């Protein structure tokens, strides 16, 4: 049984399609948490 080249292409492209939004989300959440901690420190909630 031969596996077509399309299978290999989809196996290669699929993780990239998943990874790019995941990386973008990671950086957005990281920035949001960093800013939230900074604001909490400024407000005096965290010392």
PDB file of N, CA and C in Angstrom:
ATOM      1  N   UNK A   1       0.842  -1.196   0.000  1.00  0.00           N
ATOM      2  CA  UNK A   1       0.000   0.000   0.000  1.00  0.00           C
ATOM      3  C   UNK A   1       0.886   1.257   0.000  1.00  0.00           C
ATOM      4  N   UNK A   2       0.655   2.098  -0.981  1.00  0.00           N
ATOM      5  CA  UNK A   2       1.445   3.335  -1.093  1.00  0.00           C
ATOM      6  C   UNK A   2       0.728   4.487  -0.402  1.00  0.00           C
ATOM      7  N   UNK A   3       1.481   5.260   0.360  1.00  0.00           N
ATOM      8  CA  UNK A   3       0.939   6.472   0.961  1.00  0.00           C
ATOM      9  C   UNK A   3       1.337   7.633   0.061  1.00  0.00           C
ATOM     10  N   UNK A   4       0.342   8.438  -0.316  1.00  0.00           N
ATOM     11  CA  UNK A   4       0.605   9.550  -1.227  1.00  0.00           C
ATOM     12  C   UNK A   4       1.383  10.665  -0.558  1.00  0.00           C
ATOM     13  N   UNK A   5       1.994  11.516  -1.371  1.00  0.00           N
ATOM     14  CA  UNK A   5       2.754  12.648  -0.826  1.00  0.00           C
ATOM     15  C   UNK A   5       1.859  13.633  -0.071  1.00  0.00           C
ATOM     16  N   UNK A   6       0.565  13.654  -0.413  1.00  0.00           N
ATOM     17  CA  UNK A   6      -0.365  14.560   0.274  1.00  0.00           C
ATOM     18  C   UNK A   6      -0.454  14.253   1.759  1.00  0.00           C
ATOM     19  N   UNK A   7      -0.333  12.970   2.117  1.00  0.00           N
ATOM     20  CA  UNK A   7      -0.391  12.580   3.527  1.00  0.00           C
ATOM     21  C   UNK A   7       0.788  13.179   4.282  1.00  0.00           C
ATOM     22  N   UNK A   8       1.966  13.118   3.675  1.00  0.00           N
ATOM     23  CA  UNK A   8       3.161  13.672   4.322  1.00  0.00           C
ATOM     24  C   UNK A   8       3.063  15.186   4.436  1.00  0.00           C
ATOM     25  N   UNK A   9       2.537  15.826   3.393  1.00  0.00           N
ATOM     26  CA  UNK A   9       2.370  17.285   3.417  1.00  0.00           C
ATOM     27  C   UNK A   9       1.403  17.678   4.525  1.00  0.00           C
ATOM     28  N   UNK A  10       0.291  16.965   4.629  1.00  0.00           N
ATOM     29  CA  UNK A  10      -0.693  17.304   5.662  1.00  0.00           C
ATOM     30  C   UNK A  10      -0.139  17.024   7.062  1.00  0.00           C
ATOM     31  N   UNK A  11       0.655  15.969   7.206  1.00  0.00           N
ATOM     32  CA  UNK A  11       1.283  15.671   8.500  1.00  0.00           C
ATOM     33  C   UNK A  11       2.275  16.758   8.893  1.00  0.00           C
ATOM     34  N   UNK A  12       2.880  17.398   7.890  1.00  0.00           N
ATOM     35  CA  UNK A  12       3.851  18.459   8.154  1.00  0.00           C
ATOM     36  C   UNK A  12       3.156  19.795   8.410  1.00  0.00           C
ATOM     37  N   UNK A  13       2.090  20.074   7.648  1.00  0.00           N
ATOM     38  CA  UNK A  13       1.403  21.369   7.732  1.00  0.00           C
ATOM     39  C   UNK A  13       0.500  21.435   8.963  1.00  0.00           C
ATOM     40  N   UNK A  14      -0.144  20.330   9.311  1.00  0.00           N
ATOM     41  CA  UNK A  14      -1.124  20.322  10.412  1.00  0.00           C
ATOM     42  C   UNK A  14      -0.545  20.825  11.735  1.00  0.00           C
ATOM     43  N   UNK A  15       0.629  20.342  12.178  1.00  0.00           N
ATOM     44  CA  UNK A  15       1.197  20.857  13.439  1.00  0.00           C
ATOM     45  C   UNK A  15       1.514  22.344  13.364  1.00  0.00           C
ATOM     46  N   UNK A  16       1.917  22.829  12.185  1.00  0.00           N
ATOM     47  CA  UNK A  16       2.236  24.254  12.031  1.00  0.00           C
ATOM     48  C   UNK A  16       0.970  25.089  12.195  1.00  0.00           C
ATOM     49  N   UNK A  17      -0.127  24.616  11.588  1.00  0.00           N
ATOM     50  CA  UNK A  17      -1.406  25.333  11.686  1.00  0.00           C
ATOM     51  C   UNK A  17      -1.850  25.407  13.147  1.00  0.00           C
ATOM     52  N   UNK A  18      -1.575  24.358  13.920  1.00  0.00           N
ATOM     53  CA  UNK A  18      -1.937  24.343  15.346  1.00  0.00           C
ATOM     54  C   UNK A  18      -0.950  25.176  16.161  1.00  0.00           C
ATOM     55  N   UNK A  19       0.331  25.100  15.824  1.00  0.00           N
ATOM     56  CA  UNK A  19       1.380  25.710  16.648  1.00  0.00           C
ATOM     57  C   UNK A  19       1.366  27.232  16.591  1.00  0.00           C
ATOM     58  N   UNK A  20       1.130  27.803  15.411  1.00  0.00           N
ATOM     59  CA  UNK A  20       1.220  29.263  15.269  1.00  0.00           C
ATOM     60  C   UNK A  20       0.213  29.984  16.170  1.00  0.00           C
ATOM     61  N   UNK A  21      -1.081  29.637  16.137  1.00  0.00           N
ATOM     62  CA  UNK A  21      -2.017  30.307  17.060  1.00  0.00           C
ATOM     63  C   UNK A  21      -1.686  30.022  18.517  1.00  0.00           C
ATOM     64  N   UNK A  22      -1.182  28.825  18.811  1.00  0.00           N
ATOM     65  CA  UNK A  22      -0.828  28.479  20.190  1.00  0.00           C
ATOM     66  C   UNK A  22       0.300  29.375  20.693  1.00  0.00           C
ATOM     67  N   UNK A  23       1.298  29.617  19.853  1.00  0.00           N
ATOM     68  CA  UNK A  23       2.427  30.476  20.232  1.00  0.00           C
ATOM     69  C   UNK A  23       1.954  31.907  20.429  1.00  0.00           C
ATOM     70  N   UNK A  24       1.097  32.393  19.510  1.00  0.00           N
ATOM     71  CA  UNK A  24       0.569  33.759  19.618  1.00  0.00           C
ATOM     72  C   UNK A  24      -0.228  33.906  20.912  1.00  0.00           C
ATOM     73  N   UNK A  25      -1.094  32.927  21.188  1.00  0.00           N
ATOM     74  CA  UNK A  25      -1.887  32.945  22.427  1.00  0.00           C
ATOM     75  C   UNK A  25      -0.982  32.949  23.645  1.00  0.00           C
ATOM     76  N   UNK A  26       0.070  32.137  23.608  1.00  0.00           N
ATOM     77  CA  UNK A  26       1.006  32.046  24.731  1.00  0.00           C
ATOM     78  C   UNK A  26       1.610  33.409  25.048  1.00  0.00           C
ATOM     79  N   UNK A  27       2.054  34.119  23.998  1.00  0.00           N
ATOM     80  CA  UNK A  27       2.677  35.420  24.223  1.00  0.00           C
ATOM     81  C   UNK A  27       1.667  36.450  24.712  1.00  0.00           C
ATOM     82  N   UNK A  28       0.427  36.409  24.179  1.00  0.00           N
ATOM     83  CA  UNK A  28      -0.614  37.347  24.622  1.00  0.00           C
ATOM     84  C   UNK A  28      -0.918  37.119  26.100  1.00  0.00           C
ATOM     85  N   UNK A  29      -1.083  35.850  26.495  1.00  0.00           N
ATOM     86  CA  UNK A  29      -1.401  35.526  27.894  1.00  0.00           C
ATOM     87  C   UNK A  29      -0.233  35.913  28.795  1.00  0.00           C
ATOM     88  N   UNK A  30       1.006  35.634  28.331  1.00  0.00           N
ATOM     89  CA  UNK A  30       2.198  35.967  29.109  1.00  0.00           C
ATOM     90  C   UNK A  30       2.272  37.472  29.367  1.00  0.00           C
ATOM     91  N   UNK A  31       2.022  38.261  28.322  1.00  0.00           N
ATOM     92  CA  UNK A  31       2.037  39.719  28.467  1.00  0.00           C
ATOM     93  C   UNK A  31       0.936  40.181  29.407  1.00  0.00           C
ATOM     94  N   UNK A  32      -0.250  39.598  29.265  1.00  0.00           N
ATOM     95  CA  UNK A  32      -1.386  39.993  30.103  1.00  0.00           C
ATOM     96  C   UNK A  32      -1.098  39.704  31.571  1.00  0.00           C
ATOM     97  N   UNK A  33      -0.534  38.536  31.854  1.00  0.00           N
ATOM     98  CA  UNK A  33      -0.216  38.159  33.233  1.00  0.00           C
ATOM     99  C   UNK A  33       0.862  39.085  33.793  1.00  0.00           C
ATOM    100  N   UNK A  34       1.876  39.380  32.963  1.00  0.00           N
ATOM    101  CA  UNK A  34       2.957  40.262  33.387  1.00  0.00           C
ATOM    102  C   UNK A  34       2.406  41.644  33.752  1.00  0.00           C
ATOM    103  N   UNK A  35       1.534  42.176  32.900  1.00  0.00           N
ATOM    104  CA  UNK A  35       0.937  43.488  33.163  1.00  0.00           C
ATOM    105  C   UNK A  35       0.039  43.451  34.390  1.00  0.00           C
ATOM    106  N   UNK A  36      -0.706  42.366  34.555  1.00  0.00           N
ATOM    107  CA  UNK A  36      -1.607  42.239  35.705  1.00  0.00           C
ATOM    108  C   UNK A  36      -0.805  42.217  37.006  1.00  0.00           C
ATOM    109  N   UNK A  37       0.305  41.489  37.018  1.00  0.00           N
ATOM    110  CA  UNK A  37       1.147  41.418  38.221  1.00  0.00           C
ATOM    111  C   UNK A  37       1.742  42.792  38.513  1.00  0.00           C
ATOM    112  N   UNK A  38       2.189  43.485  37.448  1.00  0.00           N
ATOM    113  CA  UNK A  38       2.771  44.815  37.616  1.00  0.00           C
ATOM    114  C   UNK A  38       1.734  45.780  38.207  1.00  0.00           C
ATOM    115  N   UNK A  39       0.514  45.742  37.673  1.00  0.00           N
ATOM    116  CA  UNK A  39      -0.551  46.620  38.171  1.00  0.00           C
ATOM    117  C   UNK A  39      -0.908  46.270  39.609  1.00  0.00           C
ATOM    118  N   UNK A  40      -0.953  44.981  39.921  1.00  0.00           N
ATOM    119  CA  UNK A  40      -1.283  44.555  41.282  1.00  0.00           C
ATOM    120  C   UNK A  40      -0.211  45.041  42.256  1.00  0.00           C
ATOM    121  N   UNK A  41       1.051  44.987  41.839  1.00  0.00           N
ATOM    122  CA  UNK A  41       2.142  45.489  42.687  1.00  0.00           C
ATOM    123  C   UNK A  41       2.000  46.992  42.896  1.00  0.00           C
ATOM    124  N   UNK A  42       1.672  47.713  41.826  1.00  0.00           N
ATOM    125  CA  UNK A  42       1.523  49.169  41.918  1.00  0.00           C
ATOM    126  C   UNK A  42       0.363  49.542  42.837  1.00  0.00           C
ATOM    127  N   UNK A  43      -0.697  48.753  42.806  1.00  0.00           N
ATOM    128  CA  UNK A  43      -1.872  49.027  43.642  1.00  0.00           C
ATOM    129  C   UNK A  43      -1.641  48.618  45.091  1.00  0.00           C
ATOM    130  N   UNK A  44      -0.610  47.816  45.343  1.00  0.00           N
ATOM    131  CA  UNK A  44      -0.289  47.420  46.696  1.00  0.00           C
ATOM    132  C   UNK A  44      -0.888  46.089  47.112  1.00  0.00           C
ATOM    133  N   UNK A  45      -1.442  45.330  46.152  1.00  0.00           N
ATOM    134  CA  UNK A  45      -1.991  44.011  46.497  1.00  0.00           C
ATOM    135  C   UNK A  45      -0.866  43.024  46.766  1.00  0.00           C
ATOM    136  N   UNK A  46       0.169  43.092  45.922  1.00  0.00           N
ATOM    137  CA  UNK A  46       1.315  42.194  46.097  1.00  0.00           C
ATOM    138  C   UNK A  46       2.515  43.014  46.544  1.00  0.00           C
ATOM    139  N   UNK A  47       3.279  42.445  47.437  1.00  0.00           N
ATOM    140  CA  UNK A  47       4.493  43.143  47.896  1.00  0.00           C
ATOM    141  C   UNK A  47       5.707  42.373  47.425  1.00  0.00           C
TER     142      UNK A  47
END
